N, C-alpha and C. Protein backbone atom coordinates (compact mmCIF):
# COMPACT_ATOMS: atom_id res chain seq x y z
N MET A 1 111.53 114.24 99.42
CA MET A 1 112.75 113.55 99.74
C MET A 1 112.89 112.36 98.78
N THR A 2 114.04 112.23 98.17
CA THR A 2 114.26 111.16 97.20
C THR A 2 114.47 109.82 97.92
N PHE A 3 114.44 108.74 97.15
CA PHE A 3 114.69 107.42 97.69
C PHE A 3 116.04 107.38 98.41
N GLY A 4 117.07 107.89 97.75
CA GLY A 4 118.41 107.91 98.34
C GLY A 4 118.47 108.70 99.63
N GLN A 5 117.78 109.82 99.67
CA GLN A 5 117.75 110.64 100.88
C GLN A 5 117.04 109.89 102.02
N GLN A 6 116.00 109.14 101.66
CA GLN A 6 115.29 108.34 102.66
C GLN A 6 116.22 107.28 103.27
N ILE A 7 116.97 106.59 102.41
CA ILE A 7 117.90 105.57 102.90
C ILE A 7 118.91 106.20 103.86
N LYS A 8 119.48 107.30 103.43
CA LYS A 8 120.49 107.97 104.26
C LYS A 8 119.89 108.40 105.60
N LYS A 9 118.70 108.97 105.57
CA LYS A 9 118.05 109.43 106.80
C LYS A 9 117.84 108.27 107.76
N TRP A 10 117.27 107.17 107.26
CA TRP A 10 116.98 106.03 108.13
C TRP A 10 118.26 105.33 108.58
N ARG A 11 119.26 105.27 107.71
CA ARG A 11 120.54 104.66 108.09
C ARG A 11 121.14 105.43 109.26
N LYS A 12 121.17 106.75 109.15
CA LYS A 12 121.73 107.58 110.21
C LYS A 12 120.89 107.49 111.48
N ALA A 13 119.57 107.41 111.32
CA ALA A 13 118.69 107.28 112.49
C ALA A 13 118.97 106.00 113.26
N ARG A 14 119.45 104.99 112.57
CA ARG A 14 119.80 103.71 113.20
C ARG A 14 121.25 103.68 113.66
N GLY A 15 121.98 104.78 113.45
CA GLY A 15 123.37 104.85 113.90
C GLY A 15 124.32 104.00 113.07
N LEU A 16 123.97 103.77 111.81
CA LEU A 16 124.79 102.94 110.93
C LEU A 16 125.61 103.80 109.98
N LYS A 17 126.80 103.35 109.68
CA LYS A 17 127.61 103.95 108.63
C LYS A 17 127.33 103.18 107.34
N GLN A 18 127.70 103.76 106.21
CA GLN A 18 127.49 103.07 104.94
C GLN A 18 128.15 101.69 104.96
N LYS A 19 129.32 101.62 105.55
CA LYS A 19 130.06 100.37 105.63
C LYS A 19 129.27 99.32 106.43
N ASP A 20 128.66 99.76 107.54
CA ASP A 20 127.86 98.85 108.36
C ASP A 20 126.67 98.32 107.57
N LEU A 21 125.97 99.23 106.91
CA LEU A 21 124.79 98.84 106.13
C LEU A 21 125.18 97.91 104.99
N SER A 22 126.29 98.20 104.35
CA SER A 22 126.72 97.35 103.24
C SER A 22 127.01 95.93 103.73
N ARG A 23 127.61 95.83 104.90
CA ARG A 23 127.91 94.52 105.48
C ARG A 23 126.62 93.75 105.78
N LEU A 24 125.63 94.45 106.33
CA LEU A 24 124.36 93.81 106.67
C LEU A 24 123.59 93.34 105.44
N LEU A 25 123.77 94.06 104.33
CA LEU A 25 123.06 93.73 103.09
C LEU A 25 123.89 92.87 102.14
N CYS A 26 125.14 92.61 102.51
CA CYS A 26 126.05 91.83 101.66
C CYS A 26 126.25 92.50 100.30
N VAL A 27 126.47 93.81 100.33
CA VAL A 27 126.80 94.57 99.12
C VAL A 27 128.01 95.44 99.45
N SER A 28 128.59 96.05 98.45
CA SER A 28 129.76 96.90 98.69
C SER A 28 129.33 98.28 99.22
N PRO A 29 130.22 98.95 99.96
CA PRO A 29 129.92 100.31 100.41
C PRO A 29 129.61 101.25 99.25
N SER A 30 130.25 101.04 98.10
CA SER A 30 129.97 101.91 96.95
C SER A 30 128.55 101.70 96.44
N THR A 31 128.02 100.49 96.61
CA THR A 31 126.64 100.24 96.22
C THR A 31 125.69 101.06 97.09
N ILE A 32 125.95 101.08 98.39
CA ILE A 32 125.13 101.89 99.31
C ILE A 32 125.23 103.36 98.92
N SER A 33 126.42 103.82 98.60
CA SER A 33 126.62 105.20 98.17
C SER A 33 125.81 105.49 96.90
N ASN A 34 125.81 104.55 95.97
CA ASN A 34 125.03 104.72 94.74
C ASN A 34 123.53 104.80 95.03
N TYR A 35 123.06 103.99 95.97
CA TYR A 35 121.65 104.06 96.34
C TYR A 35 121.33 105.42 96.96
N GLU A 36 122.18 105.86 97.89
CA GLU A 36 121.93 107.12 98.60
C GLU A 36 122.05 108.34 97.68
N ASN A 37 122.82 108.21 96.63
CA ASN A 37 122.96 109.33 95.68
C ASN A 37 122.03 109.18 94.48
N ASP A 38 121.09 108.26 94.58
CA ASP A 38 120.09 108.03 93.53
C ASP A 38 120.70 107.70 92.18
N VAL A 39 121.86 107.03 92.20
CA VAL A 39 122.51 106.59 90.97
C VAL A 39 121.87 105.28 90.51
N HIS A 40 121.61 104.39 91.48
CA HIS A 40 120.99 103.10 91.18
C HIS A 40 119.85 102.85 92.16
N MET A 41 118.92 102.03 91.74
CA MET A 41 117.83 101.56 92.59
C MET A 41 118.11 100.09 92.88
N PRO A 42 117.99 99.66 94.15
CA PRO A 42 118.28 98.26 94.45
C PRO A 42 117.22 97.33 93.87
N PRO A 43 117.61 96.07 93.62
CA PRO A 43 116.62 95.09 93.19
C PRO A 43 115.62 94.85 94.33
N LEU A 44 114.48 94.30 93.99
CA LEU A 44 113.39 94.15 94.95
C LEU A 44 113.80 93.37 96.19
N ASP A 45 114.54 92.29 96.04
CA ASP A 45 114.93 91.51 97.22
C ASP A 45 115.84 92.32 98.14
N THR A 46 116.74 93.12 97.57
CA THR A 46 117.61 93.98 98.37
C THR A 46 116.80 95.09 99.02
N LEU A 47 115.83 95.60 98.30
CA LEU A 47 114.95 96.64 98.83
C LEU A 47 114.20 96.14 100.06
N ARG A 48 113.72 94.93 100.00
CA ARG A 48 113.02 94.34 101.15
C ARG A 48 113.97 94.15 102.34
N ARG A 49 115.18 93.66 102.06
CA ARG A 49 116.17 93.48 103.14
C ARG A 49 116.56 94.83 103.74
N LEU A 50 116.68 95.84 102.88
CA LEU A 50 117.03 97.19 103.32
C LEU A 50 115.98 97.71 104.30
N ALA A 51 114.72 97.56 103.95
CA ALA A 51 113.65 98.01 104.84
C ALA A 51 113.70 97.25 106.17
N ALA A 52 113.96 95.95 106.10
CA ALA A 52 114.03 95.15 107.33
C ALA A 52 115.20 95.57 108.21
N VAL A 53 116.36 95.77 107.60
CA VAL A 53 117.56 96.17 108.35
C VAL A 53 117.36 97.55 108.98
N LEU A 54 116.73 98.46 108.23
CA LEU A 54 116.51 99.82 108.74
C LEU A 54 115.28 99.90 109.65
N GLN A 55 114.54 98.79 109.74
CA GLN A 55 113.37 98.69 110.61
C GLN A 55 112.30 99.72 110.26
N VAL A 56 112.03 99.85 108.96
CA VAL A 56 110.99 100.75 108.49
C VAL A 56 110.15 100.01 107.44
N PRO A 57 108.88 100.38 107.34
CA PRO A 57 108.09 99.79 106.27
C PRO A 57 108.67 100.19 104.91
N LEU A 58 108.57 99.30 103.97
CA LEU A 58 109.07 99.58 102.62
C LEU A 58 108.48 100.87 102.07
N SER A 59 107.24 101.13 102.39
CA SER A 59 106.58 102.34 101.89
C SER A 59 107.27 103.62 102.37
N CYS A 60 107.90 103.57 103.56
CA CYS A 60 108.61 104.75 104.06
C CYS A 60 109.82 105.08 103.20
N LEU A 61 110.46 104.05 102.65
CA LEU A 61 111.62 104.29 101.80
C LEU A 61 111.20 104.81 100.43
N LEU A 62 110.02 104.41 99.99
CA LEU A 62 109.60 104.74 98.63
C LEU A 62 108.78 106.03 98.55
N GLU A 63 108.34 106.55 99.69
CA GLU A 63 107.56 107.79 99.69
C GLU A 63 108.47 108.97 99.38
N GLU A 64 107.98 109.86 98.54
CA GLU A 64 108.73 111.09 98.26
C GLU A 64 108.66 112.02 99.47
N GLU A 65 107.49 112.15 100.03
CA GLU A 65 107.30 112.95 101.23
C GLU A 65 106.74 112.02 102.30
N PRO A 66 107.44 111.86 103.41
CA PRO A 66 106.96 110.94 104.42
C PRO A 66 105.63 111.36 105.00
N GLY A 67 104.76 110.39 105.23
CA GLY A 67 103.46 110.64 105.85
C GLY A 67 103.60 110.75 107.35
N VAL A 68 102.47 110.85 108.00
CA VAL A 68 102.45 111.01 109.45
C VAL A 68 103.11 109.81 110.13
N GLN A 69 102.83 108.60 109.66
CA GLN A 69 103.41 107.42 110.30
C GLN A 69 104.94 107.45 110.23
N ALA A 70 105.47 107.84 109.08
CA ALA A 70 106.93 107.89 108.93
C ALA A 70 107.52 108.95 109.85
N LYS A 71 106.84 110.07 109.99
CA LYS A 71 107.34 111.13 110.87
C LYS A 71 107.33 110.69 112.33
N VAL A 72 106.24 110.02 112.72
CA VAL A 72 106.15 109.52 114.09
C VAL A 72 107.23 108.49 114.35
N LEU A 73 107.42 107.58 113.40
CA LEU A 73 108.45 106.55 113.55
C LEU A 73 109.84 107.17 113.66
N ALA A 74 110.11 108.19 112.86
CA ALA A 74 111.41 108.85 112.93
C ALA A 74 111.63 109.49 114.30
N LEU A 75 110.61 110.16 114.81
CA LEU A 75 110.73 110.77 116.14
C LEU A 75 110.88 109.70 117.22
N PHE A 76 110.06 108.66 117.12
CA PHE A 76 110.09 107.58 118.09
C PHE A 76 111.45 106.89 118.14
N SER A 77 112.04 106.66 116.97
CA SER A 77 113.32 105.94 116.92
C SER A 77 114.45 106.76 117.54
N GLY A 78 114.27 108.07 117.66
CA GLY A 78 115.29 108.91 118.28
C GLY A 78 115.20 108.97 119.80
N LEU A 79 114.15 108.35 120.36
CA LEU A 79 113.98 108.38 121.81
C LEU A 79 114.79 107.29 122.49
N SER A 80 115.09 107.53 123.74
CA SER A 80 115.73 106.48 124.56
C SER A 80 114.69 105.39 124.81
N PRO A 81 115.12 104.22 125.27
CA PRO A 81 114.14 103.18 125.60
C PRO A 81 113.09 103.66 126.62
N ALA A 82 113.51 104.42 127.60
CA ALA A 82 112.55 104.96 128.58
C ALA A 82 111.59 105.94 127.92
N GLY A 83 112.11 106.76 127.03
CA GLY A 83 111.27 107.71 126.29
C GLY A 83 110.28 106.99 125.38
N GLN A 84 110.73 105.89 124.76
CA GLN A 84 109.84 105.12 123.91
C GLN A 84 108.70 104.51 124.73
N LYS A 85 109.01 104.03 125.93
CA LYS A 85 107.98 103.46 126.79
C LYS A 85 106.96 104.53 127.16
N LYS A 86 107.44 105.73 127.53
CA LYS A 86 106.53 106.82 127.88
C LYS A 86 105.66 107.21 126.69
N ALA A 87 106.28 107.27 125.50
CA ALA A 87 105.52 107.63 124.30
C ALA A 87 104.44 106.59 124.01
N LEU A 88 104.77 105.32 124.15
CA LEU A 88 103.78 104.26 123.92
C LEU A 88 102.65 104.35 124.93
N ASP A 89 102.99 104.59 126.19
CA ASP A 89 101.95 104.74 127.22
C ASP A 89 101.02 105.90 126.88
N LEU A 90 101.60 107.01 126.47
CA LEU A 90 100.80 108.18 126.10
C LEU A 90 99.91 107.90 124.90
N LEU A 91 100.46 107.23 123.89
CA LEU A 91 99.66 106.88 122.70
C LEU A 91 98.51 105.95 123.06
N ARG A 92 98.77 104.99 123.95
CA ARG A 92 97.70 104.07 124.39
C ARG A 92 96.58 104.85 125.07
N GLN A 93 96.95 105.80 125.92
CA GLN A 93 95.96 106.61 126.61
C GLN A 93 95.14 107.43 125.61
N LEU A 94 95.81 108.02 124.64
CA LEU A 94 95.10 108.81 123.63
C LEU A 94 94.19 107.93 122.79
N ALA A 95 94.65 106.73 122.46
CA ALA A 95 93.86 105.83 121.63
C ALA A 95 92.61 105.34 122.32
N THR A 96 92.65 105.26 123.65
CA THR A 96 91.47 104.80 124.40
C THR A 96 90.61 105.97 124.86
N GLY A 97 90.98 107.17 124.50
CA GLY A 97 90.18 108.34 124.85
C GLY A 97 90.40 108.87 126.24
N LYS A 98 91.42 108.34 126.92
CA LYS A 98 91.73 108.82 128.27
C LYS A 98 92.55 110.10 128.19
N ASP A 99 92.33 110.98 129.15
CA ASP A 99 93.09 112.22 129.22
C ASP A 99 94.47 111.91 129.78
N PRO A 100 95.55 112.14 128.98
CA PRO A 100 96.90 111.79 129.43
C PRO A 100 97.45 112.68 130.54
N SER A 101 96.76 113.77 130.90
CA SER A 101 97.32 114.66 131.93
C SER A 101 96.95 114.26 133.31
C-alpha cells in the first residue's frame, strides 16, 4: 500500500472527507488529493500533524505493508465504543495469560 493509499484509508477510517482533513491541517483540499494520489509528499511537520489528526503512529503512514499493530488498530478503530471496551478487556486477559472464555 502506498503512502497516499495509507492516508486515504486512515482518513476514511476516521470518517473524514478530504475537505475536513485539509481544514484540520490548514492546507487546501487539492493538497490532500495530491498526497493521496502520491503526487506530492508532505513536509515533515505536516506529516507529523497528519499522523496526529488521523490518530495513527507515523510509521503506519510510511509502511508499504501494514504490520500487525496497524492491522489491529484499523480493526479496533472500526469498533463501537462498547466494542472497543470489550476488545481491550479481552486483550488484557490474553496479555495476563488468563483464559478469556
